[in-house]
């Protein structure tokens, strides 16, 4: 996407729709944002070392989340990527 062009956004002007579910699941697991950062760094062997501000921006819907990051978040949070994306469990 060329610079200066508007990004696709939700009706609430968010650039991701996984943030609310990341926050919800993290709270269900009684994890702080710092705890989540540490788990992400551990599971990715240091390939992704987010800080608390980055997690805050994801949860607030102000940061785009890549497909690889969604897979890591789903793994760390013990949920499916499908649930993070659309809020539904995958029927297989």
PDB file of N, CA and C in Angstrom:
ATOM      1  N   UNK A   1       0.846  -1.167   0.000  1.00  0.00           N
ATOM      2  CA  UNK A   1       0.000   0.000   0.000  1.00  0.00           C
ATOM      3  C   UNK A   1       0.899   1.240   0.000  1.00  0.00           C
ATOM      4  N   UNK A   2       0.707   2.125  -0.955  1.00  0.00           N
ATOM      5  CA  UNK A   2       1.514   3.337  -1.015  1.00  0.00           C
ATOM      6  C   UNK A   2       1.317   4.211   0.221  1.00  0.00           C
ATOM      7  N   UNK A   3       2.365   4.914   0.570  1.00  0.00           N
ATOM      8  CA  UNK A   3       2.272   5.833   1.710  1.00  0.00           C
ATOM      9  C   UNK A   3       1.236   6.899   1.460  1.00  0.00           C
ATOM     10  N   UNK A   4       0.569   7.293   2.521  1.00  0.00           N
ATOM     11  CA  UNK A   4      -0.400   8.357   2.411  1.00  0.00           C
ATOM     12  C   UNK A   4      -1.815   7.891   2.126  1.00  0.00           C
ATOM     13  N   UNK A   5      -1.963   6.641   1.690  1.00  0.00           N
ATOM     14  CA  UNK A   5      -3.293   6.114   1.439  1.00  0.00           C
ATOM     15  C   UNK A   5      -3.896   5.641   2.750  1.00  0.00           C
ATOM     16  N   UNK A   6      -5.185   5.849   2.953  1.00  0.00           N
ATOM     17  CA  UNK A   6      -5.801   5.427   4.211  1.00  0.00           C
ATOM     18  C   UNK A   6      -5.836   3.910   4.325  1.00  0.00           C
ATOM     19  N   UNK A   7      -5.634   3.431   5.535  1.00  0.00           N
ATOM     20  CA  UNK A   7      -5.702   1.997   5.820  1.00  0.00           C
ATOM     21  C   UNK A   7      -7.141   1.593   6.073  1.00  0.00           C
ATOM     22  N   UNK A   8      -7.404   0.338   5.822  1.00  0.00           N
ATOM     23  CA  UNK A   8      -8.702  -0.228   6.124  1.00  0.00           C
ATOM     24  C   UNK A   8      -8.881  -0.225   7.635  1.00  0.00           C
ATOM     25  N   UNK A   9     -10.045   0.203   8.105  1.00  0.00           N
ATOM     26  CA  UNK A   9     -10.318   0.308   9.533  1.00  0.00           C
ATOM     27  C   UNK A   9     -11.704  -0.237   9.847  1.00  0.00           C
ATOM     28  N   UNK A  10     -11.893  -0.588  11.106  1.00  0.00           N
ATOM     29  CA  UNK A  10     -13.215  -1.009  11.570  1.00  0.00           C
ATOM     30  C   UNK A  10     -14.104   0.220  11.686  1.00  0.00           C
ATOM     31  N   UNK A  11     -15.374   0.002  11.984  1.00  0.00           N
ATOM     32  CA  UNK A  11     -16.293   1.125  12.182  1.00  0.00           C
ATOM     33  C   UNK A  11     -15.845   2.014  13.338  1.00  0.00           C
ATOM     34  N   UNK A  12     -15.120   1.411  14.307  1.00  0.00           N
ATOM     35  CA  UNK A  12     -14.627   2.170  15.462  1.00  0.00           C
ATOM     36  C   UNK A  12     -13.269   2.806  15.184  1.00  0.00           C
ATOM     37  N   UNK A  13     -12.823   2.752  13.919  1.00  0.00           N
ATOM     38  CA  UNK A  13     -11.553   3.326  13.477  1.00  0.00           C
ATOM     39  C   UNK A  13     -10.327   2.576  14.004  1.00  0.00           C
ATOM     40  N   UNK A  14     -10.478   1.283  14.298  1.00  0.00           N
ATOM     41  CA  UNK A  14      -9.365   0.441  14.739  1.00  0.00           C
ATOM     42  C   UNK A  14      -8.716  -0.196  13.522  1.00  0.00           C
ATOM     43  N   UNK A  15      -7.392  -0.438  13.587  1.00  0.00           N
ATOM     44  CA  UNK A  15      -6.699  -1.084  12.474  1.00  0.00           C
ATOM     45  C   UNK A  15      -6.564  -2.595  12.679  1.00  0.00           C
ATOM     46  N   UNK A  16      -7.057  -3.106  13.809  1.00  0.00           N
ATOM     47  CA  UNK A  16      -7.134  -4.560  13.987  1.00  0.00           C
ATOM     48  C   UNK A  16      -8.400  -4.867  14.764  1.00  0.00           C
ATOM     49  N   UNK A  17      -8.876  -6.091  14.626  1.00  0.00           N
ATOM     50  CA  UNK A  17     -10.041  -6.497  15.397  1.00  0.00           C
ATOM     51  C   UNK A  17      -9.699  -7.614  16.374  1.00  0.00           C
ATOM     52  N   UNK A  18      -8.415  -7.936  16.506  1.00  0.00           N
ATOM     53  CA  UNK A  18      -8.014  -8.962  17.462  1.00  0.00           C
ATOM     54  C   UNK A  18      -7.722  -8.370  18.839  1.00  0.00           C
ATOM     55  N   UNK A  19      -7.454  -7.084  18.904  1.00  0.00           N
ATOM     56  CA  UNK A  19      -7.013  -6.455  20.144  1.00  0.00           C
ATOM     57  C   UNK A  19      -7.944  -6.657  21.319  1.00  0.00           C
ATOM     58  N   UNK A  20      -9.222  -6.484  21.095  1.00  0.00           N
ATOM     59  CA  UNK A  20     -10.193  -6.644  22.183  1.00  0.00           C
ATOM     60  C   UNK A  20     -10.166  -8.068  22.720  1.00  0.00           C
ATOM     61  N   UNK A  21     -10.040  -9.063  21.827  1.00  0.00           N
ATOM     62  CA  UNK A  21     -10.007 -10.453  22.273  1.00  0.00           C
ATOM     63  C   UNK A  21      -8.676 -10.805  22.927  1.00  0.00           C
ATOM     64  N   UNK A  22      -7.575 -10.192  22.472  1.00  0.00           N
ATOM     65  CA  UNK A  22      -6.281 -10.389  23.147  1.00  0.00           C
ATOM     66  C   UNK A  22      -6.401  -9.904  24.588  1.00  0.00           C
ATOM     67  N   UNK A  23      -6.950  -8.704  24.774  1.00  0.00           N
ATOM     68  CA  UNK A  23      -7.120  -8.145  26.115  1.00  0.00           C
ATOM     69  C   UNK A  23      -8.019  -9.043  26.971  1.00  0.00           C
ATOM     70  N   UNK A  24      -9.129  -9.478  26.388  1.00  0.00           N
ATOM     71  CA  UNK A  24     -10.079 -10.329  27.107  1.00  0.00           C
ATOM     72  C   UNK A  24      -9.433 -11.641  27.558  1.00  0.00           C
ATOM     73  N   UNK A  25      -8.743 -12.294  26.643  1.00  0.00           N
ATOM     74  CA  UNK A  25      -8.121 -13.586  26.975  1.00  0.00           C
ATOM     75  C   UNK A  25      -6.985 -13.402  27.978  1.00  0.00           C
ATOM     76  N   UNK A  26      -6.194 -12.343  27.815  1.00  0.00           N
ATOM     77  CA  UNK A  26      -5.100 -12.068  28.757  1.00  0.00           C
ATOM     78  C   UNK A  26      -5.658 -11.863  30.161  1.00  0.00           C
ATOM     79  N   UNK A  27      -6.760 -11.139  30.271  1.00  0.00           N
ATOM     80  CA  UNK A  27      -7.403 -10.911  31.573  1.00  0.00           C
ATOM     81  C   UNK A  27      -7.939 -12.223  32.147  1.00  0.00           C
ATOM     82  N   UNK A  28      -8.538 -13.061  31.293  1.00  0.00           N
ATOM     83  CA  UNK A  28      -9.036 -14.362  31.749  1.00  0.00           C
ATOM     84  C   UNK A  28      -7.919 -15.210  32.338  1.00  0.00           C
ATOM     85  N   UNK A  29      -6.711 -15.079  31.783  1.00  0.00           N
ATOM     86  CA  UNK A  29      -5.558 -15.850  32.252  1.00  0.00           C
ATOM     87  C   UNK A  29      -4.823 -15.154  33.399  1.00  0.00           C
ATOM     88  N   UNK A  30      -5.314 -13.986  33.812  1.00  0.00           N
ATOM     89  CA  UNK A  30      -4.695 -13.192  34.879  1.00  0.00           C
ATOM     90  C   UNK A  30      -3.231 -12.853  34.558  1.00  0.00           C
ATOM     91  N   UNK A  31      -3.002 -12.482  33.294  1.00  0.00           N
ATOM     92  CA  UNK A  31      -1.670 -12.080  32.861  1.00  0.00           C
ATOM     93  C   UNK A  31      -1.598 -10.563  32.751  1.00  0.00           C
ATOM     94  N   UNK A  32      -0.500 -10.005  33.180  1.00  0.00           N
ATOM     95  CA  UNK A  32      -0.256  -8.589  32.921  1.00  0.00           C
ATOM     96  C   UNK A  32       0.283  -8.464  31.500  1.00  0.00           C
ATOM     97  N   UNK A  33       0.327  -7.257  31.000  1.00  0.00           N
ATOM     98  CA  UNK A  33       0.922  -7.047  29.688  1.00  0.00           C
ATOM     99  C   UNK A  33       2.390  -7.447  29.703  1.00  0.00           C
ATOM    100  N   UNK A  34       3.097  -7.181  30.803  1.00  0.00           N
ATOM    101  CA  UNK A  34       4.498  -7.583  30.915  1.00  0.00           C
ATOM    102  C   UNK A  34       4.644  -9.103  30.907  1.00  0.00           C
ATOM    103  N   UNK A  35       3.727  -9.815  31.581  1.00  0.00           N
ATOM    104  CA  UNK A  35       3.751 -11.280  31.555  1.00  0.00           C
ATOM    105  C   UNK A  35       3.566 -11.791  30.126  1.00  0.00           C
ATOM    106  N   UNK A  36       2.621 -11.188  29.411  1.00  0.00           N
ATOM    107  CA  UNK A  36       2.370 -11.595  28.030  1.00  0.00           C
ATOM    108  C   UNK A  36       3.612 -11.358  27.172  1.00  0.00           C
ATOM    109  N   UNK A  37       4.261 -10.226  27.356  1.00  0.00           N
ATOM    110  CA  UNK A  37       5.492  -9.922  26.611  1.00  0.00           C
ATOM    111  C   UNK A  37       6.551 -10.988  26.857  1.00  0.00           C
ATOM    112  N   UNK A  38       6.721 -11.373  28.117  1.00  0.00           N
ATOM    113  CA  UNK A  38       7.724 -12.379  28.469  1.00  0.00           C
ATOM    114  C   UNK A  38       7.402 -13.724  27.828  1.00  0.00           C
ATOM    115  N   UNK A  39       6.134 -14.102  27.836  1.00  0.00           N
ATOM    116  CA  UNK A  39       5.734 -15.381  27.217  1.00  0.00           C
ATOM    117  C   UNK A  39       5.959 -15.359  25.709  1.00  0.00           C
ATOM    118  N   UNK A  40       5.660 -14.221  25.087  1.00  0.00           N
ATOM    119  CA  UNK A  40       5.876 -14.101  23.641  1.00  0.00           C
ATOM    120  C   UNK A  40       7.355 -14.233  23.320  1.00  0.00           C
ATOM    121  N   UNK A  41       8.191 -13.535  24.064  1.00  0.00           N
ATOM    122  CA  UNK A  41       9.638 -13.606  23.837  1.00  0.00           C
ATOM    123  C   UNK A  41      10.138 -15.035  24.016  1.00  0.00           C
ATOM    124  N   UNK A  42       9.616 -15.725  25.017  1.00  0.00           N
ATOM    125  CA  UNK A  42      10.049 -17.096  25.283  1.00  0.00           C
ATOM    126  C   UNK A  42       9.618 -18.041  24.166  1.00  0.00           C
ATOM    127  N   UNK A  43       8.358 -17.958  23.771  1.00  0.00           N
ATOM    128  CA  UNK A  43       7.836 -18.899  22.769  1.00  0.00           C
ATOM    129  C   UNK A  43       8.440 -18.664  21.381  1.00  0.00           C
ATOM    130  N   UNK A  44       8.868 -17.435  21.098  1.00  0.00           N
ATOM    131  CA  UNK A  44       9.469 -17.129  19.798  1.00  0.00           C
ATOM    132  C   UNK A  44      10.994 -17.188  19.844  1.00  0.00           C
ATOM    133  N   UNK A  45      11.535 -17.670  20.951  1.00  0.00           N
ATOM    134  CA  UNK A  45      12.994 -17.734  21.122  1.00  0.00           C
ATOM    135  C   UNK A  45      13.657 -16.385  20.871  1.00  0.00           C
ATOM    136  N   UNK A  46      12.975 -15.334  21.304  1.00  0.00           N
ATOM    137  CA  UNK A  46      13.531 -13.991  21.186  1.00  0.00           C
ATOM    138  C   UNK A  46      13.383 -13.347  19.825  1.00  0.00           C
ATOM    139  N   UNK A  47      12.659 -13.980  18.911  1.00  0.00           N
ATOM    140  CA  UNK A  47      12.462 -13.375  17.585  1.00  0.00           C
ATOM    141  C   UNK A  47      11.471 -12.221  17.640  1.00  0.00           C
ATOM    142  N   UNK A  48      10.559 -12.255  18.604  1.00  0.00           N
ATOM    143  CA  UNK A  48       9.633 -11.135  18.829  1.00  0.00           C
ATOM    144  C   UNK A  48       9.673 -10.839  20.317  1.00  0.00           C
ATOM    145  N   UNK A  49      10.187  -9.673  20.653  1.00  0.00           N
ATOM    146  CA  UNK A  49      10.285  -9.252  22.049  1.00  0.00           C
ATOM    147  C   UNK A  49       9.499  -7.947  22.205  1.00  0.00           C
ATOM    148  N   UNK A  50       8.189  -8.073  22.326  1.00  0.00           N
ATOM    149  CA  UNK A  50       7.378  -6.851  22.441  1.00  0.00           C
ATOM    150  C   UNK A  50       7.538  -6.220  23.819  1.00  0.00           C
ATOM    151  N   UNK A  51       7.279  -4.943  23.909  1.00  0.00           N
ATOM    152  CA  UNK A  51       7.220  -4.313  25.220  1.00  0.00           C
ATOM    153  C   UNK A  51       5.755  -4.025  25.542  1.00  0.00           C
ATOM    154  N   UNK A  52       5.507  -3.609  26.761  1.00  0.00           N
ATOM    155  CA  UNK A  52       4.143  -3.369  27.232  1.00  0.00           C
ATOM    156  C   UNK A  52       3.397  -2.367  26.353  1.00  0.00           C
ATOM    157  N   UNK A  53       4.094  -1.352  25.864  1.00  0.00           N
ATOM    158  CA  UNK A  53       3.446  -0.352  24.990  1.00  0.00           C
ATOM    159  C   UNK A  53       2.952  -0.980  23.690  1.00  0.00           C
ATOM    160  N   UNK A  54       3.726  -1.918  23.154  1.00  0.00           N
ATOM    161  CA  UNK A  54       3.320  -2.580  21.912  1.00  0.00           C
ATOM    162  C   UNK A  54       2.054  -3.410  22.140  1.00  0.00           C
ATOM    163  N   UNK A  55       2.001  -4.120  23.263  1.00  0.00           N
ATOM    164  CA  UNK A  55       0.809  -4.902  23.595  1.00  0.00           C
ATOM    165  C   UNK A  55      -0.372  -3.957  23.821  1.00  0.00           C
ATOM    166  N   UNK A  56      -0.142  -2.854  24.487  1.00  0.00           N
ATOM    167  CA  UNK A  56      -1.209  -1.874  24.703  1.00  0.00           C
ATOM    168  C   UNK A  56      -1.778  -1.390  23.366  1.00  0.00           C
ATOM    169  N   UNK A  57      -0.901  -1.083  22.412  1.00  0.00           N
ATOM    170  CA  UNK A  57      -1.348  -0.586  21.109  1.00  0.00           C
ATOM    171  C   UNK A  57      -2.113  -1.661  20.338  1.00  0.00           C
ATOM    172  N   UNK A  58      -1.694  -2.926  20.474  1.00  0.00           N
ATOM    173  CA  UNK A  58      -2.447  -4.022  19.846  1.00  0.00           C
ATOM    174  C   UNK A  58      -3.826  -4.109  20.474  1.00  0.00           C
ATOM    175  N   UNK A  59      -3.873  -4.143  21.809  1.00  0.00           N
ATOM    176  CA  UNK A  59      -5.147  -4.274  22.511  1.00  0.00           C
ATOM    177  C   UNK A  59      -6.075  -3.088  22.259  1.00  0.00           C
ATOM    178  N   UNK A  60      -5.512  -1.938  22.044  1.00  0.00           N
ATOM    179  CA  UNK A  60      -6.300  -0.729  21.781  1.00  0.00           C
ATOM    180  C   UNK A  60      -6.723  -0.615  20.314  1.00  0.00           C
ATOM    181  N   UNK A  61      -6.231  -1.531  19.472  1.00  0.00           N
ATOM    182  CA  UNK A  61      -6.598  -1.515  18.055  1.00  0.00           C
ATOM    183  C   UNK A  61      -5.854  -0.496  17.233  1.00  0.00           C
ATOM    184  N   UNK A  62      -4.761   0.047  17.769  1.00  0.00           N
ATOM    185  CA  UNK A  62      -4.013   1.082  17.047  1.00  0.00           C
ATOM    186  C   UNK A  62      -2.796   0.537  16.320  1.00  0.00           C
ATOM    187  N   UNK A  63      -2.526  -0.769  16.443  1.00  0.00           N
ATOM    188  CA  UNK A  63      -1.368  -1.375  15.788  1.00  0.00           C
ATOM    189  C   UNK A  63      -1.835  -2.531  14.925  1.00  0.00           C
ATOM    190  N   UNK A  64      -1.337  -2.578  13.709  1.00  0.00           N
ATOM    191  CA  UNK A  64      -1.635  -3.695  12.819  1.00  0.00           C
ATOM    192  C   UNK A  64      -0.928  -4.932  13.361  1.00  0.00           C
ATOM    193  N   UNK A  65      -1.598  -6.074  13.269  1.00  0.00           N
ATOM    194  CA  UNK A  65      -1.055  -7.332  13.758  1.00  0.00           C
ATOM    195  C   UNK A  65      -0.897  -8.266  12.562  1.00  0.00           C
ATOM    196  N   UNK A  66       0.312  -8.777  12.356  1.00  0.00           N
ATOM    197  CA  UNK A  66       0.555  -9.660  11.215  1.00  0.00           C
ATOM    198  C   UNK A  66      -0.014 -11.052  11.480  1.00  0.00           C
ATOM    199  N   UNK A  67      -0.113 -11.827  10.420  1.00  0.00           N
ATOM    200  CA  UNK A  67      -0.607 -13.192  10.565  1.00  0.00           C
ATOM    201  C   UNK A  67       0.306 -14.023  11.464  1.00  0.00           C
ATOM    202  N   UNK A  68       1.610 -13.835  11.355  1.00  0.00           N
ATOM    203  CA  UNK A  68       2.538 -14.569  12.216  1.00  0.00           C
ATOM    204  C   UNK A  68       2.352 -14.183  13.687  1.00  0.00           C
ATOM    205  N   UNK A  69       2.123 -12.901  13.928  1.00  0.00           N
ATOM    206  CA  UNK A  69       1.893 -12.448  15.302  1.00  0.00           C
ATOM    207  C   UNK A  69       0.583 -13.004  15.854  1.00  0.00           C
ATOM    208  N   UNK A  70      -0.438 -13.106  15.023  1.00  0.00           N
ATOM    209  CA  UNK A  70      -1.707 -13.691  15.467  1.00  0.00           C
ATOM    210  C   UNK A  70      -1.501 -15.138  15.880  1.00  0.00           C
ATOM    211  N   UNK A  71      -0.714 -15.881  15.107  1.00  0.00           N
ATOM    212  CA  UNK A  71      -0.442 -17.272  15.457  1.00  0.00           C
ATOM    213  C   UNK A  71       0.305 -17.382  16.787  1.00  0.00           C
ATOM    214  N   UNK A  72       1.271 -16.504  16.997  1.00  0.00           N
ATOM    215  CA  UNK A  72       2.011 -16.507  18.272  1.00  0.00           C
ATOM    216  C   UNK A  72       1.082 -16.133  19.420  1.00  0.00           C
ATOM    217  N   UNK A  73       0.296 -15.082  19.238  1.00  0.00           N
ATOM    218  CA  UNK A  73      -0.627 -14.666  20.296  1.00  0.00           C
ATOM    219  C   UNK A  73      -1.610 -15.785  20.634  1.00  0.00           C
ATOM    220  N   UNK A  74      -2.133 -16.467  19.632  1.00  0.00           N
ATOM    221  CA  UNK A  74      -3.062 -17.574  19.876  1.00  0.00           C
ATOM    222  C   UNK A  74      -2.373 -18.682  20.676  1.00  0.00           C
ATOM    223  N   UNK A  75      -1.152 -18.992  20.312  1.00  0.00           N
ATOM    224  CA  UNK A  75      -0.399 -20.022  21.022  1.00  0.00           C
ATOM    225  C   UNK A  75      -0.171 -19.628  22.481  1.00  0.00           C
ATOM    226  N   UNK A  76       0.309 -18.422  22.689  1.00  0.00           N
ATOM    227  CA  UNK A  76       0.609 -17.932  24.042  1.00  0.00           C
ATOM    228  C   UNK A  76      -0.654 -17.828  24.897  1.00  0.00           C
ATOM    229  N   UNK A  77      -1.746 -17.415  24.288  1.00  0.00           N
ATOM    230  CA  UNK A  77      -2.993 -17.210  25.027  1.00  0.00           C
ATOM    231  C   UNK A  77      -3.849 -18.473  25.111  1.00  0.00           C
ATOM    232  N   UNK A  78      -3.400 -19.553  24.464  1.00  0.00           N
ATOM    233  CA  UNK A  78      -4.131 -20.812  24.537  1.00  0.00           C
ATOM    234  C   UNK A  78      -5.506 -20.760  23.901  1.00  0.00           C
ATOM    235  N   UNK A  79      -5.588 -20.096  22.768  1.00  0.00           N
ATOM    236  CA  UNK A  79      -6.853 -20.014  22.040  1.00  0.00           C
ATOM    237  C   UNK A  79      -6.557 -20.209  20.561  1.00  0.00           C
ATOM    238  N   UNK A  80      -7.580 -20.237  19.745  1.00  0.00           N
ATOM    239  CA  UNK A  80      -7.350 -20.415  18.312  1.00  0.00           C
ATOM    240  C   UNK A  80      -7.168 -19.062  17.623  1.00  0.00           C
ATOM    241  N   UNK A  81      -6.429 -19.087  16.540  1.00  0.00           N
ATOM    242  CA  UNK A  81      -6.267 -17.879  15.727  1.00  0.00           C
ATOM    243  C   UNK A  81      -7.622 -17.452  15.164  1.00  0.00           C
ATOM    244  N   UNK A  82      -8.457 -18.424  14.865  1.00  0.00           N
ATOM    245  CA  UNK A  82      -9.803 -18.132  14.357  1.00  0.00           C
ATOM    246  C   UNK A  82     -10.586 -17.316  15.387  1.00  0.00           C
ATOM    247  N   UNK A  83     -10.508 -17.712  16.642  1.00  0.00           N
ATOM    248  CA  UNK A  83     -11.217 -16.972  17.685  1.00  0.00           C
ATOM    249  C   UNK A  83     -10.667 -15.553  17.805  1.00  0.00           C
ATOM    250  N   UNK A  84      -9.333 -15.410  17.754  1.00  0.00           N
ATOM    251  CA  UNK A  84      -8.760 -14.059  17.824  1.00  0.00           C
ATOM    252  C   UNK A  84      -9.255 -13.187  16.672  1.00  0.00           C
ATOM    253  N   UNK A  85      -9.352 -13.765  15.503  1.00  0.00           N
ATOM    254  CA  UNK A  85      -9.739 -12.991  14.317  1.00  0.00           C
ATOM    255  C   UNK A  85     -11.221 -12.634  14.271  1.00  0.00           C
ATOM    256  N   UNK A  86     -12.081 -13.611  14.538  1.00  0.00           N
ATOM    257  CA  UNK A  86     -13.507 -13.344  14.350  1.00  0.00           C
ATOM    258  C   UNK A  86     -14.364 -13.634  15.564  1.00  0.00           C
ATOM    259  N   UNK A  87     -13.755 -14.115  16.652  1.00  0.00           N
ATOM    260  CA  UNK A  87     -14.511 -14.338  17.877  1.00  0.00           C
ATOM    261  C   UNK A  87     -15.313 -15.618  17.902  1.00  0.00           C
ATOM    262  N   UNK A  88     -15.050 -16.491  16.960  1.00  0.00           N
ATOM    263  CA  UNK A  88     -15.762 -17.763  16.905  1.00  0.00           C
ATOM    264  C   UNK A  88     -14.758 -18.898  16.921  1.00  0.00           C
ATOM    265  N   UNK A  89     -15.170 -20.042  17.439  1.00  0.00           N
ATOM    266  CA  UNK A  89     -14.302 -21.210  17.402  1.00  0.00           C
ATOM    267  C   UNK A  89     -14.409 -21.854  16.031  1.00  0.00           C
ATOM    268  N   UNK A  90     -13.350 -22.493  15.652  1.00  0.00           N
ATOM    269  CA  UNK A  90     -13.305 -23.123  14.336  1.00  0.00           C
ATOM    270  C   UNK A  90     -14.017 -24.471  14.381  1.00  0.00           C
ATOM    271  N   UNK A  91     -14.917 -24.688  13.454  1.00  0.00           N
ATOM    272  CA  UNK A  91     -15.608 -25.973  13.333  1.00  0.00           C
ATOM    273  C   UNK A  91     -14.890 -26.831  12.321  1.00  0.00           C
ATOM    274  N   UNK A  92     -14.311 -27.927  12.798  1.00  0.00           N
ATOM    275  CA  UNK A  92     -13.567 -28.810  11.898  1.00  0.00           C
ATOM    276  C   UNK A  92     -14.277 -30.133  11.775  1.00  0.00           C
TER     277      UNK A  92
END
